[in-house]
Structure formats: structure tokens, C-alpha cells
Protein backbone atom coordinates (compact mmCIF):
# COMPACT_ATOMS: atom_id res chain seq x y z
CA MET A 1 25.21 10.78 -81.63
CA ALA A 2 26.38 7.28 -80.71
CA LEU A 3 26.85 4.67 -83.39
CA ILE A 4 24.23 1.91 -83.36
CA LEU A 5 25.82 -1.43 -84.17
CA ASP A 6 24.29 -3.41 -87.00
CA LYS A 7 25.02 -7.00 -88.04
CA ILE A 8 28.03 -6.01 -90.20
CA ASP A 9 29.58 -3.95 -87.38
CA THR A 10 29.13 -6.87 -84.99
CA GLN A 11 30.72 -9.27 -87.49
CA ILE A 12 33.68 -6.92 -87.94
CA LEU A 13 34.17 -6.69 -84.18
CA ALA A 14 33.99 -10.48 -83.83
CA ILE A 15 36.60 -10.94 -86.57
CA LEU A 16 38.94 -8.35 -85.09
CA GLN A 17 38.62 -9.90 -81.62
CA LYS A 18 39.85 -13.20 -82.99
CA ASP A 19 42.71 -11.64 -84.96
CA SER A 20 43.25 -7.89 -84.96
CA SER A 21 46.04 -8.23 -87.53
CA ARG A 22 43.52 -9.09 -90.25
CA THR A 23 43.61 -6.76 -93.21
CA THR A 24 40.63 -4.75 -94.32
CA LYS A 25 40.70 -6.71 -97.57
CA SER A 26 40.51 -10.10 -95.83
CA ILE A 27 37.63 -8.93 -93.63
CA ALA A 28 35.81 -7.54 -96.66
CA ASN A 29 36.31 -10.83 -98.52
CA GLU A 30 34.95 -12.83 -95.58
CA LEU A 31 31.88 -10.61 -95.37
CA GLY A 32 31.35 -10.45 -99.14
CA MET A 33 31.92 -6.70 -99.32
CA THR A 34 34.46 -4.30 -100.78
CA THR A 35 37.28 -2.81 -98.74
CA SER A 36 36.09 0.82 -98.68
CA PRO A 37 32.92 0.31 -96.60
CA ILE A 38 34.74 -2.07 -94.25
CA PHE A 39 37.55 0.46 -93.78
CA GLU A 40 35.01 3.23 -93.04
CA ARG A 41 33.13 1.03 -90.56
CA ILE A 42 36.33 0.11 -88.72
CA LYS A 43 37.30 3.78 -88.49
CA LYS A 44 33.83 4.62 -87.09
CA LEU A 45 34.09 1.78 -84.55
CA GLU A 46 37.46 3.15 -83.45
CA LYS A 47 36.23 6.76 -83.30
CA GLU A 48 33.13 5.80 -81.29
CA GLY A 49 35.26 3.85 -78.79
CA TYR A 50 33.99 0.36 -79.58
CA ILE A 51 37.58 -0.53 -80.43
CA LYS A 52 39.84 0.84 -77.68
CA LYS A 53 43.16 -0.38 -79.08
CA TYR A 54 44.89 -3.24 -80.86
CA VAL A 55 47.23 -5.47 -78.89
CA ALA A 56 49.15 -8.72 -79.10
CA LEU A 57 48.20 -11.15 -76.34
CA LEU A 58 51.41 -12.66 -75.06
CA ASN A 59 51.95 -16.07 -73.54
CA HIS A 60 53.23 -14.86 -70.18
CA LYS A 61 54.72 -18.27 -69.34
CA LYS A 62 56.86 -18.20 -72.51
CA ILE A 63 58.40 -14.89 -71.45
CA GLY A 64 59.16 -16.14 -67.94
CA LEU A 65 56.13 -14.84 -66.02
CA LYS A 66 54.86 -18.17 -64.72
CA GLN A 67 52.76 -17.09 -61.73
CA VAL A 68 49.38 -15.38 -61.84
CA VAL A 69 48.08 -13.91 -58.60
CA PHE A 70 44.79 -12.23 -57.81
CA MET A 71 44.74 -9.84 -54.87
CA GLY A 72 41.78 -8.49 -52.96
CA ILE A 73 42.74 -5.10 -51.52
CA THR A 74 40.95 -3.09 -48.84
CA LEU A 75 42.05 0.48 -48.20
CA GLN A 76 42.14 2.20 -44.80
CA GLY A 77 39.92 4.97 -46.04
CA HIS A 78 37.51 5.56 -48.86
CA THR A 79 37.98 9.21 -49.62
CA ARG A 80 38.54 10.27 -53.19
CA SER A 81 42.13 11.09 -52.26
CA TYR A 82 42.84 7.55 -50.99
CA LEU A 83 41.26 5.97 -54.06
CA GLU A 84 43.10 8.21 -56.54
CA LYS A 85 46.45 7.76 -54.80
CA PHE A 86 46.02 4.00 -54.71
CA VAL A 87 45.13 3.70 -58.40
CA SER A 88 47.93 6.04 -59.38
CA GLN A 89 50.51 4.03 -57.46
CA ILE A 90 49.16 0.66 -58.65
CA ASN A 91 49.35 1.86 -62.27
CA SER A 92 53.09 2.38 -61.80
CA PHE A 93 53.68 -1.29 -60.90
CA PRO A 94 54.41 -3.35 -64.04
CA GLU A 95 53.48 -6.59 -62.24
CA VAL A 96 49.85 -5.43 -62.02
CA ILE A 97 48.12 -6.07 -65.33
CA GLU A 98 44.55 -5.39 -64.16
CA CYS A 99 43.06 -3.22 -61.43
CA HIS A 100 39.31 -3.20 -60.82
CA ARG A 101 37.32 -1.24 -58.23
CA VAL A 102 34.84 -3.78 -56.89
CA SER A 103 31.94 -4.11 -54.49
CA GLY A 104 31.87 -6.64 -51.68
CA ASN A 105 34.61 -7.45 -49.19
CA PHE A 106 37.35 -5.62 -51.10
CA ASP A 107 37.82 -2.20 -52.58
CA TYR A 108 40.00 -3.42 -55.46
CA LEU A 109 40.78 -6.65 -57.24
CA LEU A 110 44.22 -6.83 -58.85
CA LYS A 111 45.65 -9.32 -61.31
CA LEU A 112 49.41 -9.73 -61.33
CA VAL A 113 51.81 -11.77 -63.42
CA VAL A 114 55.22 -12.45 -61.91
CA GLU A 115 58.11 -14.85 -62.44
CA ASP A 116 57.32 -17.02 -59.40
CA ILE A 117 56.21 -16.94 -55.76
CA GLU A 118 59.51 -15.38 -54.71
CA ALA A 119 58.94 -12.52 -57.14
CA TYR A 120 55.44 -12.09 -55.73
CA GLU A 121 56.84 -11.92 -52.20
CA HIS A 122 59.38 -9.34 -53.40
CA PHE A 123 56.52 -7.28 -54.90
CA ILE A 124 54.64 -7.34 -51.60
CA ILE A 125 57.67 -6.39 -49.51
CA THR A 126 59.22 -3.75 -51.77
CA LYS A 127 56.14 -2.15 -53.31
CA LEU A 128 52.71 -3.02 -51.96
CA THR A 129 53.38 -2.79 -48.22
CA LEU A 130 54.97 0.63 -48.69
CA LEU A 131 51.60 2.14 -49.63
CA PRO A 132 50.53 4.16 -46.56
CA TYR A 133 46.77 3.81 -47.17
CA LEU A 134 46.79 0.03 -47.59
CA GLY A 135 44.42 -1.89 -45.34
CA ASN A 136 43.81 -5.61 -45.77
CA VAL A 137 45.31 -7.78 -48.53
CA GLN A 138 44.13 -11.24 -49.54
CA SER A 139 46.09 -13.22 -52.12
CA LEU A 140 44.72 -15.90 -54.40
CA ILE A 141 47.51 -17.88 -56.04
CA THR A 142 46.53 -19.37 -59.40
CA LEU A 143 47.30 -23.08 -59.68
CA SER A 144 46.08 -23.47 -63.24
CA THR A 145 43.94 -21.60 -65.75
CA GLY A 146 40.83 -23.15 -67.24
CA LYS A 147 39.88 -20.23 -69.46
CA GLU A 148 41.66 -17.04 -70.41
CA THR A 149 40.31 -14.75 -73.08
CA ASN A 150 39.56 -11.13 -73.81
CA GLU A 151 37.04 -12.06 -76.47
CA ILE A 152 33.45 -10.93 -75.81
CA ASP A 153 30.65 -13.10 -77.19
CA LEU A 154 28.81 -10.47 -79.23
CA SER A 155 25.71 -12.66 -79.63
CA ARG A 156 24.89 -11.67 -76.02
CA VAL A 157 24.60 -7.96 -76.82
């Protein structure tokens, strides 16, 4: 049976979204509880899949990846085989940090981070255009970023 989130669970998730390195003790203190029930709740949230994993969000510019590119991809065919092959190959490209199957004019929307435009061109020439089932590609070069977060506003759910 699926876990039904209560107010405490939602507060824990909100805290962990802001800083997943917080200790159980600090979360318990903030919520006015002891560590044991907080620990058990976090373990349940993990087990039930509400928490997929813990990560450090890196400043890609600081590590030399200064260009963000979004790509709309259309495949030549839409058979299960084409779709599975495409996703499998895309998952092997470290430049691609997100891959979404979408509706509309494209089959997939990709998000890439690369060093610069030259590195993006190199990606297209040496990797993307070698995919035999690739159809149309449209690139959207990011000039600046107004908002970038993975945090979900839990008051909406």
C-alpha cells in the first residue's frame, strides 16, 4: 500500500530539497520532534520512492561547462525499437543531462551542458549525427538562465 503523505512528511521533503545533507537530528530539531520518528519517516519516504536519490547540484560554469543547449529531436520512425535505441544511445552521452519524451513537434527534448559552442558542434558531428534513426534536430542555445531549480513547491500537491 502506498504511503500517504502527511504534513510532517511534506515538511521533511521540503527540508531535504533545500539541503539533503541535513542530519536527522537537525531536521528533528526544526520540526520539534525526536530523531527516531524522523529517521523512520525518511526511510519510508525513500522506500516508497518519494526520495529517488541524494545529489549535489554543481555549478556547471565553475567546472568549465559554460553552455547550456536544449535540443528538440524528431526520429525517423516511432517504433518501440527506434525509441529504445535512441534513449539507450542518448544515455551514453555525458553531455546530455536530461532526456524527455515529449508531445508536440518533437519526439524528445534534450538538455545538454558543454564547454562552449565549439564543444556543442563537436557533439553534433561526432555523436548525434551518427545515430541512424535521427530525423530532425532543432537547437535552442541558452543565452542566460532566469531560474534553475530542482525544488518542487510541495504546497501545490
